[in-house]
Amino acid sequence: MTRITVGLGKRSYDIVIESGLLASVGDHLKALTKTGRVFIVTDANVATHHLAALVSSVTAAGLKPESITLPPGESTKNWTQLEKLCDQLLSF
């Protein structure tokens, strides 16, 4: 496993690179949540290929995943889609 820290002071975060990481990502996320809830935001193209495996890994780790799938492409990056995303997150 390779871990790269993006140094942004109080907003720093790690990027983890590992073969087969998708199958064990739930275990990594478990250490980061106090409530056991995980919110997955993805686009339709990525969801088609990876969402089921991610949800499976998160569930197997004893976490409760909620997913939101956005339309693919740059056109999704706008205030209307952000508002919809925020509404969906708040509904959870």
N, C-alpha and C. Protein backbone atom coordinates (compact mmCIF):
# COMPACT_ATOMS: atom_id res chain seq x y z
N MET A 1 0.85 -1.18 0.00
CA MET A 1 0.00 0.00 0.00
C MET A 1 0.89 1.23 0.00
N THR A 2 0.50 2.19 -0.81
CA THR A 2 1.18 3.47 -0.85
C THR A 2 0.23 4.54 -0.33
N ARG A 3 0.72 5.38 0.57
CA ARG A 3 -0.10 6.46 1.13
C ARG A 3 0.61 7.78 0.84
N ILE A 4 -0.11 8.67 0.19
CA ILE A 4 0.42 9.99 -0.14
C ILE A 4 -0.41 11.02 0.62
N THR A 5 0.25 11.86 1.40
CA THR A 5 -0.45 12.90 2.14
C THR A 5 -0.46 14.19 1.33
N VAL A 6 -1.65 14.73 1.15
CA VAL A 6 -1.81 16.04 0.52
C VAL A 6 -1.81 17.05 1.65
N GLY A 7 -0.73 17.79 1.77
CA GLY A 7 -0.54 18.70 2.90
C GLY A 7 -1.26 20.02 2.72
N LEU A 8 -2.37 20.16 3.43
CA LEU A 8 -3.14 21.40 3.38
C LEU A 8 -3.44 21.90 4.79
N GLY A 9 -2.48 21.74 5.66
CA GLY A 9 -2.69 22.17 7.04
C GLY A 9 -3.79 21.37 7.69
N LYS A 10 -4.77 22.07 8.26
CA LYS A 10 -5.88 21.40 8.94
C LYS A 10 -6.77 20.62 7.96
N ARG A 11 -6.67 20.92 6.68
CA ARG A 11 -7.49 20.23 5.67
C ARG A 11 -6.71 19.13 4.94
N SER A 12 -5.59 18.71 5.48
CA SER A 12 -4.78 17.67 4.85
C SER A 12 -5.55 16.36 4.77
N TYR A 13 -5.22 15.56 3.76
CA TYR A 13 -5.85 14.25 3.62
C TYR A 13 -4.87 13.31 2.93
N ASP A 14 -5.16 12.02 3.06
CA ASP A 14 -4.31 11.00 2.45
C ASP A 14 -4.97 10.43 1.20
N ILE A 15 -4.15 10.06 0.25
CA ILE A 15 -4.56 9.30 -0.92
C ILE A 15 -3.92 7.93 -0.75
N VAL A 16 -4.74 6.88 -0.82
CA VAL A 16 -4.25 5.52 -0.65
C VAL A 16 -4.27 4.82 -2.00
N ILE A 17 -3.15 4.21 -2.36
CA ILE A 17 -3.03 3.48 -3.62
C ILE A 17 -2.69 2.04 -3.27
N GLU A 18 -3.55 1.12 -3.75
CA GLU A 18 -3.33 -0.28 -3.42
C GLU A 18 -4.08 -1.15 -4.43
N SER A 19 -3.45 -2.19 -4.88
CA SER A 19 -4.10 -3.13 -5.78
C SER A 19 -5.27 -3.78 -5.05
N GLY A 20 -6.45 -3.78 -5.66
CA GLY A 20 -7.62 -4.39 -5.06
C GLY A 20 -8.25 -3.57 -3.94
N LEU A 21 -7.92 -2.31 -3.85
CA LEU A 21 -8.38 -1.45 -2.76
C LEU A 21 -9.91 -1.40 -2.66
N LEU A 22 -10.58 -1.46 -3.77
CA LEU A 22 -12.04 -1.35 -3.74
C LEU A 22 -12.67 -2.41 -2.85
N ALA A 23 -12.09 -3.60 -2.82
CA ALA A 23 -12.63 -4.69 -2.00
C ALA A 23 -12.44 -4.46 -0.51
N SER A 24 -11.47 -3.64 -0.12
CA SER A 24 -11.20 -3.42 1.31
C SER A 24 -11.43 -1.98 1.75
N VAL A 25 -11.99 -1.17 0.88
CA VAL A 25 -12.16 0.25 1.22
C VAL A 25 -13.06 0.45 2.43
N GLY A 26 -14.01 -0.45 2.63
CA GLY A 26 -14.88 -0.34 3.81
C GLY A 26 -14.09 -0.36 5.10
N ASP A 27 -13.07 -1.21 5.17
CA ASP A 27 -12.23 -1.26 6.38
C ASP A 27 -11.47 0.04 6.60
N HIS A 28 -11.03 0.67 5.51
CA HIS A 28 -10.33 1.95 5.63
C HIS A 28 -11.29 3.05 6.10
N LEU A 29 -12.51 3.03 5.55
CA LEU A 29 -13.48 4.06 5.91
C LEU A 29 -14.01 3.91 7.32
N LYS A 30 -14.03 2.69 7.82
CA LYS A 30 -14.57 2.43 9.16
C LYS A 30 -13.85 3.25 10.22
N ALA A 31 -12.56 3.44 10.04
CA ALA A 31 -11.77 4.21 11.01
C ALA A 31 -12.07 5.72 10.93
N LEU A 32 -12.76 6.15 9.88
CA LEU A 32 -12.99 7.57 9.68
C LEU A 32 -14.39 8.04 10.07
N THR A 33 -15.27 7.12 10.43
CA THR A 33 -16.64 7.51 10.75
C THR A 33 -17.00 7.16 12.19
N LYS A 34 -17.70 8.05 12.83
CA LYS A 34 -18.16 7.79 14.20
C LYS A 34 -19.58 7.24 14.20
N THR A 35 -20.32 7.50 13.13
CA THR A 35 -21.72 7.10 13.09
C THR A 35 -21.95 5.80 12.31
N GLY A 36 -20.96 5.39 11.52
CA GLY A 36 -21.13 4.21 10.69
C GLY A 36 -21.80 4.49 9.37
N ARG A 37 -22.13 5.73 9.11
CA ARG A 37 -22.76 6.09 7.85
C ARG A 37 -21.71 6.57 6.86
N VAL A 38 -21.89 6.15 5.62
CA VAL A 38 -20.97 6.54 4.54
C VAL A 38 -21.81 7.05 3.38
N PHE A 39 -21.47 8.22 2.88
CA PHE A 39 -22.17 8.80 1.74
C PHE A 39 -21.28 8.73 0.52
N ILE A 40 -21.77 8.08 -0.50
CA ILE A 40 -21.01 7.89 -1.74
C ILE A 40 -21.62 8.78 -2.81
N VAL A 41 -20.83 9.66 -3.38
CA VAL A 41 -21.28 10.51 -4.47
C VAL A 41 -20.44 10.15 -5.68
N THR A 42 -21.12 9.77 -6.76
CA THR A 42 -20.43 9.33 -7.96
C THR A 42 -21.20 9.79 -9.19
N ASP A 43 -20.64 9.56 -10.35
CA ASP A 43 -21.41 9.84 -11.55
C ASP A 43 -21.85 8.52 -12.18
N ALA A 44 -22.76 8.61 -13.13
CA ALA A 44 -23.37 7.41 -13.72
C ALA A 44 -22.34 6.50 -14.39
N ASN A 45 -21.32 7.07 -15.01
CA ASN A 45 -20.31 6.25 -15.68
C ASN A 45 -19.50 5.44 -14.67
N VAL A 46 -19.05 6.07 -13.62
CA VAL A 46 -18.27 5.38 -12.59
C VAL A 46 -19.16 4.38 -11.85
N ALA A 47 -20.39 4.77 -11.57
CA ALA A 47 -21.31 3.88 -10.84
C ALA A 47 -21.52 2.57 -11.58
N THR A 48 -21.63 2.63 -12.89
CA THR A 48 -21.84 1.43 -13.69
C THR A 48 -20.74 0.40 -13.45
N HIS A 49 -19.53 0.87 -13.28
CA HIS A 49 -18.38 -0.04 -13.17
C HIS A 49 -17.99 -0.38 -11.73
N HIS A 50 -18.23 0.54 -10.78
CA HIS A 50 -17.63 0.36 -9.45
C HIS A 50 -18.57 0.48 -8.25
N LEU A 51 -19.76 1.02 -8.42
CA LEU A 51 -20.61 1.30 -7.26
C LEU A 51 -21.01 0.03 -6.51
N ALA A 52 -21.39 -1.02 -7.20
CA ALA A 52 -21.81 -2.25 -6.52
C ALA A 52 -20.70 -2.82 -5.64
N ALA A 53 -19.47 -2.83 -6.16
CA ALA A 53 -18.34 -3.35 -5.39
C ALA A 53 -18.05 -2.47 -4.18
N LEU A 54 -18.17 -1.17 -4.35
CA LEU A 54 -17.92 -0.24 -3.25
C LEU A 54 -18.98 -0.41 -2.16
N VAL A 55 -20.24 -0.47 -2.54
CA VAL A 55 -21.31 -0.66 -1.57
C VAL A 55 -21.14 -1.99 -0.84
N SER A 56 -20.75 -3.01 -1.57
CA SER A 56 -20.52 -4.32 -0.96
C SER A 56 -19.41 -4.27 0.08
N SER A 57 -18.31 -3.61 -0.24
CA SER A 57 -17.18 -3.49 0.68
C SER A 57 -17.56 -2.70 1.92
N VAL A 58 -18.27 -1.61 1.73
CA VAL A 58 -18.68 -0.76 2.85
C VAL A 58 -19.65 -1.52 3.76
N THR A 59 -20.59 -2.23 3.16
CA THR A 59 -21.56 -3.00 3.94
C THR A 59 -20.88 -4.13 4.71
N ALA A 60 -19.94 -4.82 4.06
CA ALA A 60 -19.21 -5.91 4.71
C ALA A 60 -18.41 -5.43 5.92
N ALA A 61 -18.02 -4.16 5.92
CA ALA A 61 -17.29 -3.59 7.05
C ALA A 61 -18.22 -3.15 8.18
N GLY A 62 -19.52 -3.38 7.99
CA GLY A 62 -20.48 -3.02 9.03
C GLY A 62 -20.96 -1.59 8.97
N LEU A 63 -20.69 -0.92 7.85
CA LEU A 63 -21.10 0.47 7.68
C LEU A 63 -22.41 0.54 6.91
N LYS A 64 -23.04 1.71 6.95
CA LYS A 64 -24.32 1.91 6.28
C LYS A 64 -24.13 2.90 5.12
N PRO A 65 -24.01 2.39 3.90
CA PRO A 65 -23.79 3.28 2.76
C PRO A 65 -25.08 3.87 2.21
N GLU A 66 -25.00 5.09 1.78
CA GLU A 66 -26.04 5.77 1.01
C GLU A 66 -25.35 6.30 -0.23
N SER A 67 -25.93 6.09 -1.39
CA SER A 67 -25.26 6.56 -2.60
C SER A 67 -26.13 7.52 -3.39
N ILE A 68 -25.46 8.44 -4.04
CA ILE A 68 -26.09 9.40 -4.93
C ILE A 68 -25.33 9.34 -6.24
N THR A 69 -26.06 9.10 -7.31
CA THR A 69 -25.44 9.02 -8.63
C THR A 69 -25.85 10.24 -9.44
N LEU A 70 -24.86 11.01 -9.85
CA LEU A 70 -25.08 12.22 -10.64
C LEU A 70 -24.94 11.90 -12.13
N PRO A 71 -25.49 12.76 -12.97
CA PRO A 71 -25.27 12.58 -14.41
C PRO A 71 -23.77 12.72 -14.72
N PRO A 72 -23.29 12.05 -15.75
CA PRO A 72 -21.87 12.14 -16.09
C PRO A 72 -21.55 13.45 -16.82
N GLY A 73 -20.29 13.81 -16.76
CA GLY A 73 -19.79 14.93 -17.56
C GLY A 73 -19.66 16.25 -16.82
N GLU A 74 -18.96 17.13 -17.47
CA GLU A 74 -18.67 18.45 -16.91
C GLU A 74 -19.93 19.29 -16.71
N SER A 75 -20.97 19.02 -17.47
CA SER A 75 -22.18 19.83 -17.36
C SER A 75 -22.86 19.65 -16.00
N THR A 76 -22.50 18.62 -15.27
CA THR A 76 -23.05 18.38 -13.93
C THR A 76 -22.48 19.37 -12.92
N LYS A 77 -21.35 19.95 -13.22
CA LYS A 77 -20.69 20.86 -12.28
C LYS A 77 -21.31 22.24 -12.39
N ASN A 78 -22.47 22.39 -11.74
CA ASN A 78 -23.17 23.67 -11.76
C ASN A 78 -23.97 23.81 -10.46
N TRP A 79 -24.51 25.00 -10.23
CA TRP A 79 -25.22 25.28 -8.99
C TRP A 79 -26.50 24.47 -8.85
N THR A 80 -27.18 24.21 -9.95
CA THR A 80 -28.42 23.43 -9.90
C THR A 80 -28.15 22.02 -9.40
N GLN A 81 -27.12 21.39 -9.94
CA GLN A 81 -26.77 20.03 -9.50
C GLN A 81 -26.28 20.03 -8.06
N LEU A 82 -25.54 21.06 -7.68
CA LEU A 82 -25.08 21.16 -6.29
C LEU A 82 -26.26 21.27 -5.34
N GLU A 83 -27.25 22.05 -5.71
CA GLU A 83 -28.45 22.18 -4.88
C GLU A 83 -29.17 20.83 -4.75
N LYS A 84 -29.29 20.11 -5.86
CA LYS A 84 -29.93 18.79 -5.82
C LYS A 84 -29.13 17.83 -4.93
N LEU A 85 -27.81 17.87 -5.05
CA LEU A 85 -26.96 17.02 -4.23
C LEU A 85 -27.14 17.34 -2.75
N CYS A 86 -27.12 18.61 -2.41
CA CYS A 86 -27.30 19.02 -1.00
C CYS A 86 -28.66 18.57 -0.48
N ASP A 87 -29.70 18.72 -1.29
CA ASP A 87 -31.03 18.27 -0.89
C ASP A 87 -31.05 16.77 -0.62
N GLN A 88 -30.41 16.00 -1.50
CA GLN A 88 -30.37 14.55 -1.32
C GLN A 88 -29.60 14.17 -0.05
N LEU A 89 -28.47 14.83 0.18
CA LEU A 89 -27.69 14.54 1.39
C LEU A 89 -28.49 14.87 2.65
N LEU A 90 -29.19 15.99 2.61
CA LEU A 90 -29.99 16.36 3.77
C LEU A 90 -31.16 15.42 4.00
N SER A 91 -31.67 14.81 2.93
CA SER A 91 -32.79 13.88 3.08
C SER A 91 -32.35 12.59 3.78
N PHE A 92 -31.07 12.27 3.73
CA PHE A 92 -30.56 11.08 4.41
C PHE A 92 -30.46 11.36 5.91
